[in-house]
């Protein structure tokens, strides 16, 4: 029983450190953030950082990993099964649900924004493990919808465009509401995902109609 309690207490300390660190890193950036402020907010001593993360850099890496750890895995989607249009709908819905997950802390967007603008070693460590698999599945699905005549550049641009429509929902909804009052209550994940999927599929169909075979995809 003591081991169970000790383990639960240890996990709670780790969780509090990640939450406090996320707040401080989001507010001040990595370099200006101090372990003293982080541990003060977490209500623990500095020894807890050494025990769980070794140093500030490892703590920041854990925060980034937490921000990018998607709750809904896409690995269950067989990339060769079913219609690619339905797969795209599911992929978009998964991304939107992850972004709008109410259990995620408000500081997550600031951390992700920073890593997208100025990537650090922290994101390098999780890029292949957490981000690349979803990106490959998205790209393969888009390629299948566009057809064999689409170039890799067209496939990549279309994939990035779809993901960008999702990423805007990382930011505070009040800005969208000020610019577009009709979206003041645009907070239903399924409605948002359906719109992005429909918009994207229409665009992909239009691109497919205008695709011309290139030397590289003639030889596939």
C-alpha atoms as a PDB file:
ATOM      1  CA  UNK A   1       0.000   0.000   0.000  1.00  0.00           C
ATOM      2  CA  UNK A   2       2.854   2.373   0.830  1.00  0.00           C
ATOM      3  CA  UNK A   3       4.387   1.835  -2.611  1.00  0.00           C
ATOM      4  CA  UNK A   4       1.072   2.635  -4.280  1.00  0.00           C
ATOM      5  CA  UNK A   5       0.744   5.836  -2.258  1.00  0.00           C
ATOM      6  CA  UNK A   6       4.357   6.806  -2.926  1.00  0.00           C
ATOM      7  CA  UNK A   7       3.898   6.217  -6.650  1.00  0.00           C
ATOM      8  CA  UNK A   8       0.654   8.227  -6.721  1.00  0.00           C
ATOM      9  CA  UNK A   9       2.321  11.071  -4.835  1.00  0.00           C
ATOM     10  CA  UNK A  10       5.300  10.972  -7.194  1.00  0.00           C
ATOM     11  CA  UNK A  11       3.056  11.136 -10.269  1.00  0.00           C
ATOM     12  CA  UNK A  12       1.113  14.026  -8.755  1.00  0.00           C
ATOM     13  CA  UNK A  13       4.360  15.919  -8.126  1.00  0.00           C
ATOM     14  CA  UNK A  14       5.429  15.300 -11.713  1.00  0.00           C
ATOM     15  CA  UNK A  15       2.059  16.508 -13.007  1.00  0.00           C
ATOM     16  CA  UNK A  16       2.227  19.676 -10.907  1.00  0.00           C
ATOM     17  CA  UNK A  17       5.739  20.403 -12.134  1.00  0.00           C
ATOM     18  CA  UNK A  18       4.726  20.033 -15.783  1.00  0.00           C
ATOM     19  CA  UNK A  19       1.678  22.253 -15.292  1.00  0.00           C
ATOM     20  CA  UNK A  20       3.620  24.953 -13.443  1.00  0.00           C
ATOM     21  CA  UNK A  21       6.492  24.765 -15.924  1.00  0.00           C
ATOM     22  CA  UNK A  22       4.073  25.050 -18.844  1.00  0.00           C
ATOM     23  CA  UNK A  23       2.636  28.233 -17.363  1.00  0.00           C
ATOM     24  CA  UNK A  24       6.037  29.807 -16.727  1.00  0.00           C
ATOM     25  CA  UNK A  25       7.587  28.765 -20.052  1.00  0.00           C
ATOM     26  CA  UNK A  26       4.520  30.092 -21.893  1.00  0.00           C
ATOM     27  CA  UNK A  27       4.705  33.425 -20.062  1.00  0.00           C
ATOM     28  CA  UNK A  28       8.465  33.992 -20.049  1.00  0.00           C
ATOM     29  CA  UNK A  29      10.058  31.689 -22.596  1.00  0.00           C
ATOM     30  CA  UNK A  30      12.651  29.038 -21.859  1.00  0.00           C
ATOM     31  CA  UNK A  31      15.622  31.272 -21.072  1.00  0.00           C
ATOM     32  CA  UNK A  32      13.824  33.730 -18.777  1.00  0.00           C
ATOM     33  CA  UNK A  33      11.967  31.008 -16.876  1.00  0.00           C
ATOM     34  CA  UNK A  34      13.537  29.998 -13.575  1.00  0.00           C
ATOM     35  CA  UNK A  35      13.283  26.779 -11.627  1.00  0.00           C
ATOM     36  CA  UNK A  36      12.617  28.836  -8.525  1.00  0.00           C
ATOM     37  CA  UNK A  37       9.418  30.282  -9.983  1.00  0.00           C
ATOM     38  CA  UNK A  38       8.366  26.918 -11.410  1.00  0.00           C
ATOM     39  CA  UNK A  39       8.833  25.030  -8.150  1.00  0.00           C
ATOM     40  CA  UNK A  40       7.150  27.833  -6.217  1.00  0.00           C
ATOM     41  CA  UNK A  41       4.046  27.594  -8.399  1.00  0.00           C
ATOM     42  CA  UNK A  42       4.101  23.812  -8.205  1.00  0.00           C
ATOM     43  CA  UNK A  43       4.475  23.893  -4.431  1.00  0.00           C
ATOM     44  CA  UNK A  44       7.516  21.602  -4.433  1.00  0.00           C
ATOM     45  CA  UNK A  45      11.245  21.989  -3.819  1.00  0.00           C
ATOM     46  CA  UNK A  46      14.004  22.031  -6.433  1.00  0.00           C
ATOM     47  CA  UNK A  47      15.020  18.498  -5.542  1.00  0.00           C
ATOM     48  CA  UNK A  48      11.780  17.335  -7.180  1.00  0.00           C
ATOM     49  CA  UNK A  49      12.977  18.739 -10.517  1.00  0.00           C
ATOM     50  CA  UNK A  50      16.256  16.869 -10.207  1.00  0.00           C
ATOM     51  CA  UNK A  51      14.429  13.666  -9.306  1.00  0.00           C
ATOM     52  CA  UNK A  52      11.864  13.758 -12.121  1.00  0.00           C
ATOM     53  CA  UNK A  53      13.627  15.687 -14.902  1.00  0.00           C
ATOM     54  CA  UNK A  54      17.286  16.300 -13.942  1.00  0.00           C
ATOM     55  CA  UNK A  55      17.318  19.950 -15.094  1.00  0.00           C
ATOM     56  CA  UNK A  56      15.332  22.777 -16.687  1.00  0.00           C
ATOM     57  CA  UNK A  57      16.036  21.594 -20.222  1.00  0.00           C
ATOM     58  CA  UNK A  58      14.653  18.127 -19.521  1.00  0.00           C
ATOM     59  CA  UNK A  59      11.630  19.675 -17.813  1.00  0.00           C
ATOM     60  CA  UNK A  60      10.956  21.828 -20.870  1.00  0.00           C
ATOM     61  CA  UNK A  61      11.261  18.755 -23.098  1.00  0.00           C
ATOM     62  CA  UNK A  62       8.640  17.012 -20.944  1.00  0.00           C
ATOM     63  CA  UNK A  63       6.325  20.020 -21.313  1.00  0.00           C
ATOM     64  CA  UNK A  64       6.676  19.966 -25.112  1.00  0.00           C
ATOM     65  CA  UNK A  65       6.072  16.215 -25.187  1.00  0.00           C
ATOM     66  CA  UNK A  66       2.933  16.685 -23.095  1.00  0.00           C
ATOM     67  CA  UNK A  67       1.661  19.380 -25.477  1.00  0.00           C
ATOM     68  CA  UNK A  68       2.172  17.144 -28.502  1.00  0.00           C
ATOM     69  CA  UNK A  69       1.006  13.848 -27.035  1.00  0.00           C
ATOM     70  CA  UNK A  70      -2.221  13.287 -28.925  1.00  0.00           C
ATOM     71  CA  UNK A  71      -4.914  11.553 -26.927  1.00  0.00           C
ATOM     72  CA  UNK A  72      -6.494   9.914 -29.956  1.00  0.00           C
ATOM     73  CA  UNK A  73      -4.133   7.781 -31.945  1.00  0.00           C
ATOM     74  CA  UNK A  74      -4.508   7.544 -35.701  1.00  0.00           C
ATOM     75  CA  UNK A  75      -2.550   4.292 -35.810  1.00  0.00           C
ATOM     76  CA  UNK A  76      -5.828   2.373 -35.616  1.00  0.00           C
ATOM     77  CA  UNK A  77      -6.668   3.748 -39.053  1.00  0.00           C
ATOM     78  CA  UNK A  78      -5.470   1.278 -41.650  1.00  0.00           C
ATOM     79  CA  UNK A  79      -4.101   3.506 -44.390  1.00  0.00           C
ATOM     80  CA  UNK A  80      -5.173   0.988 -47.026  1.00  0.00           C
ATOM     81  CA  UNK A  81      -8.696   0.347 -45.695  1.00  0.00           C
ATOM     82  CA  UNK A  82     -11.893   2.152 -46.589  1.00  0.00           C
ATOM     83  CA  UNK A  83     -12.431   5.202 -48.730  1.00  0.00           C
ATOM     84  CA  UNK A  84      -9.747   7.894 -48.437  1.00  0.00           C
ATOM     85  CA  UNK A  85     -12.437  10.580 -48.157  1.00  0.00           C
ATOM     86  CA  UNK A  86     -13.766   9.011 -44.960  1.00  0.00           C
ATOM     87  CA  UNK A  87     -10.237   8.564 -43.667  1.00  0.00           C
ATOM     88  CA  UNK A  88      -9.614  12.267 -44.200  1.00  0.00           C
ATOM     89  CA  UNK A  89     -12.770  13.118 -42.257  1.00  0.00           C
ATOM     90  CA  UNK A  90     -11.591  10.963 -39.361  1.00  0.00           C
ATOM     91  CA  UNK A  91      -8.084  12.425 -39.415  1.00  0.00           C
ATOM     92  CA  UNK A  92      -9.439  15.982 -39.361  1.00  0.00           C
ATOM     93  CA  UNK A  93     -11.873  15.120 -36.562  1.00  0.00           C
ATOM     94  CA  UNK A  94      -9.032  13.626 -34.498  1.00  0.00           C
ATOM     95  CA  UNK A  95      -6.906  16.757 -34.876  1.00  0.00           C
ATOM     96  CA  UNK A  96      -9.787  19.087 -33.986  1.00  0.00           C
ATOM     97  CA  UNK A  97     -10.746  17.023 -30.937  1.00  0.00           C
ATOM     98  CA  UNK A  98      -7.135  17.085 -29.758  1.00  0.00           C
ATOM     99  CA  UNK A  99      -6.907  20.849 -30.237  1.00  0.00           C
ATOM    100  CA  UNK A 100     -10.228  21.591 -28.519  1.00  0.00           C
ATOM    101  CA  UNK A 101      -9.789  18.998 -25.766  1.00  0.00           C
ATOM    102  CA  UNK A 102     -11.087  20.811 -22.645  1.00  0.00           C
ATOM    103  CA  UNK A 103      -8.740  18.808 -20.421  1.00  0.00           C
ATOM    104  CA  UNK A 104      -5.677  20.425 -22.015  1.00  0.00           C
ATOM    105  CA  UNK A 105      -4.216  23.498 -20.252  1.00  0.00           C
ATOM    106  CA  UNK A 106      -4.591  26.991 -21.751  1.00  0.00           C
ATOM    107  CA  UNK A 107      -0.813  27.435 -21.991  1.00  0.00           C
ATOM    108  CA  UNK A 108      -0.441  24.627 -24.535  1.00  0.00           C
ATOM    109  CA  UNK A 109      -1.045  26.930 -27.524  1.00  0.00           C
ATOM    110  CA  UNK A 110       1.771  29.283 -26.496  1.00  0.00           C
ATOM    111  CA  UNK A 111       4.250  26.414 -26.164  1.00  0.00           C
ATOM    112  CA  UNK A 112       3.293  24.931 -29.539  1.00  0.00           C
ATOM    113  CA  UNK A 113       3.401  28.367 -31.201  1.00  0.00           C
ATOM    114  CA  UNK A 114       6.910  28.927 -29.876  1.00  0.00           C
ATOM    115  CA  UNK A 115       8.110  25.554 -31.125  1.00  0.00           C
ATOM    116  CA  UNK A 116       6.580  26.136 -34.557  1.00  0.00           C
ATOM    117  CA  UNK A 117       8.197  29.579 -34.814  1.00  0.00           C
ATOM    118  CA  UNK A 118      11.557  28.704 -33.246  1.00  0.00           C
ATOM    119  CA  UNK A 119      12.015  24.929 -33.036  1.00  0.00           C
ATOM    120  CA  UNK A 120      14.248  23.664 -30.252  1.00  0.00           C
ATOM    121  CA  UNK A 121      15.875  20.340 -29.470  1.00  0.00           C
ATOM    122  CA  UNK A 122      12.782  19.542 -27.409  1.00  0.00           C
ATOM    123  CA  UNK A 123      10.570  19.224 -30.473  1.00  0.00           C
ATOM    124  CA  UNK A 124      13.283  17.395 -32.414  1.00  0.00           C
ATOM    125  CA  UNK A 125      13.126  14.665 -29.797  1.00  0.00           C
ATOM    126  CA  UNK A 126       9.407  14.002 -30.347  1.00  0.00           C
ATOM    127  CA  UNK A 127       9.013  14.923 -34.024  1.00  0.00           C
ATOM    128  CA  UNK A 128       9.587  11.435 -35.420  1.00  0.00           C
ATOM    129  CA  UNK A 129       7.776   9.682 -32.595  1.00  0.00           C
ATOM    130  CA  UNK A 130       4.640  11.801 -32.149  1.00  0.00           C
ATOM    131  CA  UNK A 131       4.179  14.078 -35.153  1.00  0.00           C
ATOM    132  CA  UNK A 132       5.599  12.293 -38.197  1.00  0.00           C
ATOM    133  CA  UNK A 133       3.282   9.226 -38.059  1.00  0.00           C
ATOM    134  CA  UNK A 134       0.150  11.391 -38.151  1.00  0.00           C
ATOM    135  CA  UNK A 135       1.673  13.599 -40.840  1.00  0.00           C
ATOM    136  CA  UNK A 136       2.504  10.592 -43.033  1.00  0.00           C
ATOM    137  CA  UNK A 137      -1.017   9.229 -42.726  1.00  0.00           C
ATOM    138  CA  UNK A 138      -2.483  12.620 -43.621  1.00  0.00           C
ATOM    139  CA  UNK A 139      -0.173  12.947 -46.616  1.00  0.00           C
ATOM    140  CA  UNK A 140      -0.834   9.401 -47.856  1.00  0.00           C
ATOM    141  CA  UNK A 141      -4.580   9.987 -47.616  1.00  0.00           C
ATOM    142  CA  UNK A 142      -4.347  13.264 -49.547  1.00  0.00           C
ATOM    143  CA  UNK A 143      -2.189  11.578 -52.189  1.00  0.00           C
ATOM    144  CA  UNK A 144      -4.803   8.877 -52.670  1.00  0.00           C
ATOM    145  CA  UNK A 145      -7.574  11.459 -53.091  1.00  0.00           C
ATOM    146  CA  UNK A 146      -5.568  13.553 -55.564  1.00  0.00           C
ATOM    147  CA  UNK A 147      -4.639  10.529 -57.634  1.00  0.00           C
ATOM    148  CA  UNK A 148      -1.428   9.338 -59.286  1.00  0.00           C
ATOM    149  CA  UNK A 149      -1.028  12.426 -61.465  1.00  0.00           C
ATOM    150  CA  UNK A 150      -0.488  14.730 -58.478  1.00  0.00           C
ATOM    151  CA  UNK A 151       3.097  15.726 -57.799  1.00  0.00           C
ATOM    152  CA  UNK A 152       4.659  15.338 -54.359  1.00  0.00           C
ATOM    153  CA  UNK A 153       4.711  19.129 -54.095  1.00  0.00           C
ATOM    154  CA  UNK A 154       0.958  19.316 -54.742  1.00  0.00           C
ATOM    155  CA  UNK A 155       0.320  16.575 -52.187  1.00  0.00           C
ATOM    156  CA  UNK A 156       2.476  18.274 -49.556  1.00  0.00           C
ATOM    157  CA  UNK A 157       0.923  21.712 -50.085  1.00  0.00           C
ATOM    158  CA  UNK A 158      -2.593  20.315 -49.907  1.00  0.00           C
ATOM    159  CA  UNK A 159      -1.771  18.437 -46.699  1.00  0.00           C
ATOM    160  CA  UNK A 160      -0.260  21.516 -45.063  1.00  0.00           C
ATOM    161  CA  UNK A 161      -3.305  23.580 -46.079  1.00  0.00           C
ATOM    162  CA  UNK A 162      -5.677  21.123 -44.405  1.00  0.00           C
ATOM    163  CA  UNK A 163      -3.645  21.004 -41.194  1.00  0.00           C
ATOM    164  CA  UNK A 164      -3.405  24.817 -41.136  1.00  0.00           C
ATOM    165  CA  UNK A 165      -7.205  25.065 -41.077  1.00  0.00           C
ATOM    166  CA  UNK A 166      -7.156  22.960 -37.925  1.00  0.00           C
ATOM    167  CA  UNK A 167      -4.270  24.741 -36.213  1.00  0.00           C
ATOM    168  CA  UNK A 168      -6.057  28.104 -36.171  1.00  0.00           C
ATOM    169  CA  UNK A 169      -8.324  26.631 -33.497  1.00  0.00           C
ATOM    170  CA  UNK A 170      -5.371  26.444 -31.112  1.00  0.00           C
ATOM    171  CA  UNK A 171      -5.738  30.185 -30.595  1.00  0.00           C
ATOM    172  CA  UNK A 172      -8.156  32.068 -28.410  1.00  0.00           C
ATOM    173  CA  UNK A 173     -11.660  31.986 -29.867  1.00  0.00           C
ATOM    174  CA  UNK A 174     -12.248  35.621 -28.860  1.00  0.00           C
ATOM    175  CA  UNK A 175     -10.029  36.819 -31.712  1.00  0.00           C
ATOM    176  CA  UNK A 176     -12.016  34.817 -34.264  1.00  0.00           C
ATOM    177  CA  UNK A 177     -15.255  36.135 -32.783  1.00  0.00           C
ATOM    178  CA  UNK A 178     -14.100  39.760 -33.064  1.00  0.00           C
ATOM    179  CA  UNK A 179     -13.112  39.306 -36.697  1.00  0.00           C
ATOM    180  CA  UNK A 180     -16.077  37.072 -37.543  1.00  0.00           C
ATOM    181  CA  UNK A 181     -18.986  37.646 -35.114  1.00  0.00           C
ATOM    182  CA  UNK A 182     -20.921  34.758 -36.645  1.00  0.00           C
ATOM    183  CA  UNK A 183     -18.280  32.451 -35.148  1.00  0.00           C
ATOM    184  CA  UNK A 184     -18.765  33.703 -31.586  1.00  0.00           C
ATOM    185  CA  UNK A 185     -20.118  30.297 -30.573  1.00  0.00           C
ATOM    186  CA  UNK A 186     -18.110  28.194 -33.007  1.00  0.00           C
ATOM    187  CA  UNK A 187     -16.987  25.618 -30.462  1.00  0.00           C
ATOM    188  CA  UNK A 188     -18.528  22.317 -31.535  1.00  0.00           C
ATOM    189  CA  UNK A 189     -15.630  19.999 -32.513  1.00  0.00           C
ATOM    190  CA  UNK A 190     -17.722  17.861 -34.844  1.00  0.00           C
ATOM    191  CA  UNK A 191     -19.220  20.831 -36.706  1.00  0.00           C
ATOM    192  CA  UNK A 192     -15.780  22.388 -37.117  1.00  0.00           C
ATOM    193  CA  UNK A 193     -14.267  19.104 -38.300  1.00  0.00           C
ATOM    194  CA  UNK A 194     -17.122  18.513 -40.752  1.00  0.00           C
ATOM    195  CA  UNK A 195     -16.680  21.981 -42.247  1.00  0.00           C
ATOM    196  CA  UNK A 196     -12.911  21.618 -42.649  1.00  0.00           C
ATOM    197  CA  UNK A 197     -13.302  18.162 -44.174  1.00  0.00           C
ATOM    198  CA  UNK A 198     -15.989  19.287 -46.654  1.00  0.00           C
ATOM    199  CA  UNK A 199     -14.020  22.399 -47.610  1.00  0.00           C
ATOM    200  CA  UNK A 200     -10.827  20.383 -48.034  1.00  0.00           C
ATOM    201  CA  UNK A 201     -12.437  17.595 -50.043  1.00  0.00           C
ATOM    202  CA  UNK A 202     -13.962  20.128 -52.443  1.00  0.00           C
ATOM    203  CA  UNK A 203     -10.546  21.724 -52.898  1.00  0.00           C
ATOM    204  CA  UNK A 204      -8.848  18.357 -53.414  1.00  0.00           C
ATOM    205  CA  UNK A 205     -11.379  17.378 -56.069  1.00  0.00           C
ATOM    206  CA  UNK A 206     -10.763  20.669 -57.879  1.00  0.00           C
ATOM    207  CA  UNK A 207      -6.993  20.177 -57.715  1.00  0.00           C
ATOM    208  CA  UNK A 208      -7.352  16.623 -58.985  1.00  0.00           C
ATOM    209  CA  UNK A 209      -9.245  17.830 -62.057  1.00  0.00           C
ATOM    210  CA  UNK A 210      -6.377  20.157 -62.941  1.00  0.00           C
ATOM    211  CA  UNK A 211      -3.470  17.856 -62.123  1.00  0.00           C
ATOM    212  CA  UNK A 212      -1.143  17.172 -65.030  1.00  0.00           C
ATOM    213  CA  UNK A 213       1.269  14.241 -65.051  1.00  0.00           C
ATOM    214  CA  UNK A 214       4.896  15.205 -64.495  1.00  0.00           C
ATOM    215  CA  UNK A 215       8.016  13.330 -65.482  1.00  0.00           C
ATOM    216  CA  UNK A 216       8.421  11.964 -61.948  1.00  0.00           C
ATOM    217  CA  UNK A 217       4.893  10.621 -61.542  1.00  0.00           C
ATOM    218  CA  UNK A 218       4.763   9.197 -65.071  1.00  0.00           C
ATOM    219  CA  UNK A 219       7.519   6.827 -64.009  1.00  0.00           C
ATOM    220  CA  UNK A 220       5.776   5.592 -60.839  1.00  0.00           C
END
